[in-house]
């Protein structure tokens, strides 16, 4: 082998070594990036799971509060119905009292008018009977 061939062979080996080194470096970079991505994904999933668990806890709390509120409303229904029934009775009683007041006032007015004009009425009746 001549010096030129040996030199060419050395250059080829050097280029091959450099290419293998670049490939190895690229491979190492890819492995590092893959590990970083995997760790980032794990952290991201952990965050998502934590957020979902928090949301689930809040949902359970809200469901409990809704159940409690529904129970309180159910316990209040008879009292509200009783209140509404009494309101209707009061309104009806008020209307009846006003009606009786006006009717009693009319009867009192008629009685006072009759008593104050009794002599005139009696005289008119006597005169009408005599005819």
C-alpha atoms as a PDB file:
ATOM      1  CA  UNK A   1       0.000   0.000   0.000  1.00  0.00           C
ATOM      2  CA  UNK A   2       1.290   3.347  -0.861  1.00  0.00           C
ATOM      3  CA  UNK A   3       1.359   6.422   1.263  1.00  0.00           C
ATOM      4  CA  UNK A   4      -1.453   7.988  -0.735  1.00  0.00           C
ATOM      5  CA  UNK A   5      -3.646   4.963  -0.224  1.00  0.00           C
ATOM      6  CA  UNK A   6      -2.843   4.860   3.474  1.00  0.00           C
ATOM      7  CA  UNK A   7      -3.599   8.565   3.750  1.00  0.00           C
ATOM      8  CA  UNK A   8      -6.874   8.088   1.876  1.00  0.00           C
ATOM      9  CA  UNK A   9      -7.703   5.168   4.116  1.00  0.00           C
ATOM     10  CA  UNK A  10      -6.941   7.293   7.213  1.00  0.00           C
ATOM     11  CA  UNK A  11      -9.177  10.088   5.927  1.00  0.00           C
ATOM     12  CA  UNK A  12     -11.941   7.614   5.230  1.00  0.00           C
ATOM     13  CA  UNK A  13     -11.578   6.115   8.709  1.00  0.00           C
ATOM     14  CA  UNK A  14     -11.493   9.597  10.246  1.00  0.00           C
ATOM     15  CA  UNK A  15     -14.604  10.647   8.301  1.00  0.00           C
ATOM     16  CA  UNK A  16     -16.269   7.371   9.246  1.00  0.00           C
ATOM     17  CA  UNK A  17     -15.314   7.921  12.909  1.00  0.00           C
ATOM     18  CA  UNK A  18     -16.634  11.486  12.794  1.00  0.00           C
ATOM     19  CA  UNK A  19     -19.857  10.314  11.140  1.00  0.00           C
ATOM     20  CA  UNK A  20     -20.278   7.588  13.758  1.00  0.00           C
ATOM     21  CA  UNK A  21     -19.558  10.188  16.459  1.00  0.00           C
ATOM     22  CA  UNK A  22     -22.187  12.530  14.994  1.00  0.00           C
ATOM     23  CA  UNK A  23     -24.653   9.660  14.788  1.00  0.00           C
ATOM     24  CA  UNK A  24     -23.868   8.642  18.361  1.00  0.00           C
ATOM     25  CA  UNK A  25     -24.263  12.264  19.507  1.00  0.00           C
ATOM     26  CA  UNK A  26     -27.553  12.558  17.623  1.00  0.00           C
ATOM     27  CA  UNK A  27     -28.674   9.292  19.131  1.00  0.00           C
ATOM     28  CA  UNK A  28     -27.731  10.506  22.623  1.00  0.00           C
ATOM     29  CA  UNK A  29     -29.603  13.740  21.967  1.00  0.00           C
ATOM     30  CA  UNK A  30     -32.645  11.764  20.842  1.00  0.00           C
ATOM     31  CA  UNK A  31     -32.461   9.541  23.930  1.00  0.00           C
ATOM     32  CA  UNK A  32     -32.168  12.603  26.193  1.00  0.00           C
ATOM     33  CA  UNK A  33     -35.075  14.306  24.460  1.00  0.00           C
ATOM     34  CA  UNK A  34     -37.132  11.119  24.712  1.00  0.00           C
ATOM     35  CA  UNK A  35     -36.398  10.881  28.451  1.00  0.00           C
ATOM     36  CA  UNK A  36     -37.257  14.545  28.938  1.00  0.00           C
ATOM     37  CA  UNK A  37     -40.499  14.114  27.004  1.00  0.00           C
ATOM     38  CA  UNK A  38     -41.383  11.048  29.049  1.00  0.00           C
ATOM     39  CA  UNK A  39     -40.727  12.910  32.307  1.00  0.00           C
ATOM     40  CA  UNK A  40     -42.671  15.919  31.056  1.00  0.00           C
ATOM     41  CA  UNK A  41     -45.562  13.657  30.028  1.00  0.00           C
ATOM     42  CA  UNK A  42     -45.513  11.954  33.409  1.00  0.00           C
ATOM     43  CA  UNK A  43     -45.629  15.339  35.157  1.00  0.00           C
ATOM     44  CA  UNK A  44     -48.383  16.494  32.841  1.00  0.00           C
ATOM     45  CA  UNK A  45     -50.423  13.340  33.446  1.00  0.00           C
ATOM     46  CA  UNK A  46     -49.856  13.710  37.168  1.00  0.00           C
ATOM     47  CA  UNK A  47     -51.160  17.285  36.968  1.00  0.00           C
ATOM     48  CA  UNK A  48     -54.184  16.166  34.953  1.00  0.00           C
ATOM     49  CA  UNK A  49     -54.938  13.358  37.415  1.00  0.00           C
ATOM     50  CA  UNK A  50     -54.573  15.770  40.329  1.00  0.00           C
ATOM     51  CA  UNK A  51     -56.916  18.280  38.653  1.00  0.00           C
ATOM     52  CA  UNK A  52     -59.436  15.520  37.894  1.00  0.00           C
ATOM     53  CA  UNK A  53     -59.307  14.313  41.484  1.00  0.00           C
ATOM     54  CA  UNK A  54     -59.865  17.871  42.728  1.00  0.00           C
ATOM     55  CA  UNK A  55     -62.807  18.270  40.339  1.00  0.00           C
ATOM     56  CA  UNK A  56     -64.244  14.930  41.508  1.00  0.00           C
ATOM     57  CA  UNK A  57     -63.953  16.023  45.149  1.00  0.00           C
ATOM     58  CA  UNK A  58     -65.684  19.323  44.399  1.00  0.00           C
ATOM     59  CA  UNK A  59     -68.421  17.477  42.505  1.00  0.00           C
ATOM     60  CA  UNK A  60     -69.009  15.169  45.475  1.00  0.00           C
ATOM     61  CA  UNK A  61     -69.179  18.166  47.818  1.00  0.00           C
ATOM     62  CA  UNK A  62     -71.658  19.916  45.508  1.00  0.00           C
ATOM     63  CA  UNK A  63     -73.788  16.759  45.277  1.00  0.00           C
ATOM     64  CA  UNK A  64     -73.837  16.535  49.079  1.00  0.00           C
ATOM     65  CA  UNK A  65     -74.854  20.176  49.394  1.00  0.00           C
ATOM     66  CA  UNK A  66     -77.614  19.703  46.808  1.00  0.00           C
ATOM     67  CA  UNK A  67     -78.883  16.629  48.682  1.00  0.00           C
ATOM     68  CA  UNK A  68     -78.870  18.570  51.958  1.00  0.00           C
ATOM     69  CA  UNK A  69     -80.710  21.479  50.355  1.00  0.00           C
ATOM     70  CA  UNK A  70     -83.310  19.139  48.834  1.00  0.00           C
ATOM     71  CA  UNK A  71     -83.911  17.544  52.246  1.00  0.00           C
ATOM     72  CA  UNK A  72     -84.340  20.947  53.888  1.00  0.00           C
ATOM     73  CA  UNK A  73     -86.802  22.033  51.188  1.00  0.00           C
ATOM     74  CA  UNK A  74     -88.783  18.814  51.659  1.00  0.00           C
ATOM     75  CA  UNK A  75     -88.940  19.449  55.409  1.00  0.00           C
ATOM     76  CA  UNK A  76     -90.127  23.028  54.747  1.00  0.00           C
ATOM     77  CA  UNK A  77     -92.907  22.086  52.301  1.00  0.00           C
ATOM     78  CA  UNK A  78     -95.566  21.271  54.951  1.00  0.00           C
ATOM     79  CA  UNK A  79     -94.872  24.547  56.773  1.00  0.00           C
ATOM     80  CA  UNK A  80     -95.093  26.521  53.530  1.00  0.00           C
ATOM     81  CA  UNK A  81     -98.334  24.771  52.572  1.00  0.00           C
ATOM     82  CA  UNK A  82     -99.760  25.515  56.045  1.00  0.00           C
ATOM     83  CA  UNK A  83     -98.675  29.147  55.733  1.00  0.00           C
ATOM     84  CA  UNK A  84    -100.311  29.462  52.302  1.00  0.00           C
ATOM     85  CA  UNK A  85    -103.529  27.836  53.584  1.00  0.00           C
ATOM     86  CA  UNK A  86    -103.612  30.240  56.546  1.00  0.00           C
ATOM     87  CA  UNK A  87    -103.009  33.199  54.231  1.00  0.00           C
ATOM     88  CA  UNK A  88    -106.050  32.174  52.178  1.00  0.00           C
ATOM     89  CA  UNK A  89    -108.064  31.795  55.389  1.00  0.00           C
ATOM     90  CA  UNK A  90    -106.960  35.228  56.586  1.00  0.00           C
ATOM     91  CA  UNK A  91    -107.825  36.822  53.260  1.00  0.00           C
ATOM     92  CA  UNK A  92    -111.215  35.104  53.265  1.00  0.00           C
ATOM     93  CA  UNK A  93    -111.760  36.050  56.908  1.00  0.00           C
ATOM     94  CA  UNK A  94    -110.844  39.643  56.141  1.00  0.00           C
ATOM     95  CA  UNK A  95    -113.296  39.755  53.251  1.00  0.00           C
ATOM     96  CA  UNK A  96    -115.976  38.177  55.425  1.00  0.00           C
ATOM     97  CA  UNK A  97    -115.283  40.622  58.284  1.00  0.00           C
ATOM     98  CA  UNK A  98    -115.535  43.611  55.936  1.00  0.00           C
ATOM     99  CA  UNK A  99    -118.769  42.259  54.488  1.00  0.00           C
ATOM    100  CA  UNK A 100    -120.232  41.717  57.958  1.00  0.00           C
ATOM    101  CA  UNK A 101    -119.084  45.190  59.021  1.00  0.00           C
ATOM    102  CA  UNK A 102    -120.868  46.816  56.094  1.00  0.00           C
ATOM    103  CA  UNK A 103    -123.928  44.601  56.549  1.00  0.00           C
ATOM    104  CA  UNK A 104    -124.029  45.362  60.312  1.00  0.00           C
ATOM    105  CA  UNK A 105    -123.603  49.050  59.567  1.00  0.00           C
ATOM    106  CA  UNK A 106    -126.496  48.906  57.122  1.00  0.00           C
ATOM    107  CA  UNK A 107    -128.700  47.124  59.661  1.00  0.00           C
ATOM    108  CA  UNK A 108    -127.736  49.649  62.351  1.00  0.00           C
ATOM    109  CA  UNK A 109    -128.524  52.510  59.979  1.00  0.00           C
ATOM    110  CA  UNK A 110    -131.869  50.944  59.155  1.00  0.00           C
ATOM    111  CA  UNK A 111    -132.614  50.384  62.875  1.00  0.00           C
ATOM    112  CA  UNK A 112    -131.681  53.969  63.797  1.00  0.00           C
ATOM    113  CA  UNK A 113    -133.697  55.338  60.895  1.00  0.00           C
ATOM    114  CA  UNK A 114    -136.651  53.152  61.847  1.00  0.00           C
ATOM    115  CA  UNK A 115    -136.444  54.133  65.545  1.00  0.00           C
ATOM    116  CA  UNK A 116    -136.085  57.849  64.864  1.00  0.00           C
ATOM    117  CA  UNK A 117    -138.958  57.879  62.383  1.00  0.00           C
ATOM    118  CA  UNK A 118    -141.181  55.358  64.169  1.00  0.00           C
ATOM    119  CA  UNK A 119    -143.968  57.790  64.956  1.00  0.00           C
ATOM    120  CA  UNK A 120    -144.172  58.922  61.336  1.00  0.00           C
ATOM    121  CA  UNK A 121    -144.170  55.346  60.095  1.00  0.00           C
ATOM    122  CA  UNK A 122    -146.766  54.241  62.665  1.00  0.00           C
ATOM    123  CA  UNK A 123    -148.971  57.243  61.801  1.00  0.00           C
ATOM    124  CA  UNK A 124    -148.705  56.470  58.101  1.00  0.00           C
ATOM    125  CA  UNK A 125    -149.648  52.837  58.739  1.00  0.00           C
ATOM    126  CA  UNK A 126    -152.637  53.843  60.891  1.00  0.00           C
ATOM    127  CA  UNK A 127    -153.803  56.228  58.231  1.00  0.00           C
ATOM    128  CA  UNK A 128    -153.472  53.616  55.556  1.00  0.00           C
ATOM    129  CA  UNK A 129    -155.361  51.024  57.629  1.00  0.00           C
ATOM    130  CA  UNK A 130    -158.209  53.463  58.247  1.00  0.00           C
ATOM    131  CA  UNK A 131    -158.942  53.831  54.618  1.00  0.00           C
END
